[in-house]
Amino acid sequence: MFKRFLSKPWVTFIVRTLAYFLIILALIYLYGYSGVTGGHFIYNEF
């Protein structure tokens, strides 16, 4: 039953869109830690 549900084109479109959106959000979140004003790195004071 689950395979039949995933075989519908609109379901695969929504699942892929959500997956790509989550990946992009994770990359943006990780990008916020890079740079001078990013998160505190343990060796910044050396």
Protein backbone atom coordinates (compact mmCIF):
# COMPACT_ATOMS: atom_id res chain seq x y z
CA MET A 1 0.00 0.00 0.00
CA PHE A 2 2.85 2.39 0.80
CA LYS A 3 4.52 1.72 -2.56
CA ARG A 4 1.26 2.41 -4.33
CA PHE A 5 0.98 5.71 -2.47
CA LEU A 6 4.53 6.70 -3.40
CA SER A 7 3.97 5.82 -7.05
CA LYS A 8 1.65 8.79 -7.49
CA PRO A 9 3.47 11.68 -9.15
CA TRP A 10 2.19 14.40 -6.83
CA VAL A 11 3.32 12.47 -3.76
CA THR A 12 6.85 12.00 -5.08
CA PHE A 13 6.96 15.69 -6.02
CA ILE A 14 5.97 16.76 -2.49
CA VAL A 15 8.38 14.31 -0.82
CA ARG A 16 11.30 15.40 -3.01
CA THR A 17 10.47 19.08 -2.52
CA LEU A 18 10.42 18.66 1.26
CA ALA A 19 13.68 16.71 1.20
CA TYR A 20 15.45 19.35 -0.91
CA PHE A 21 14.01 22.12 1.26
CA LEU A 22 15.36 20.46 4.41
CA ILE A 23 18.79 20.04 2.81
CA ILE A 24 18.86 23.71 1.81
CA LEU A 25 17.81 24.76 5.31
CA ALA A 26 20.59 22.64 6.82
CA LEU A 27 23.15 24.19 4.47
CA ILE A 28 21.97 27.72 5.32
CA TYR A 29 22.13 26.85 9.01
CA LEU A 30 25.67 25.52 8.67
CA TYR A 31 26.69 28.54 6.58
CA GLY A 32 25.77 30.77 9.52
CA TYR A 33 28.63 29.26 11.51
CA SER A 34 31.27 30.20 8.94
CA GLY A 35 32.96 33.56 8.85
CA VAL A 36 34.26 35.92 11.51
CA THR A 37 30.88 36.54 13.13
CA GLY A 38 29.96 32.87 13.18
CA GLY A 39 29.82 30.55 16.13
CA HIS A 40 32.62 30.50 18.65
CA PHE A 41 35.42 28.22 17.65
CA ILE A 42 37.53 26.79 20.44
CA TYR A 43 40.86 27.99 18.97
CA ASN A 44 39.85 31.57 18.08
CA GLU A 45 42.07 33.10 20.77
CA PHE A 46 45.32 31.55 19.55
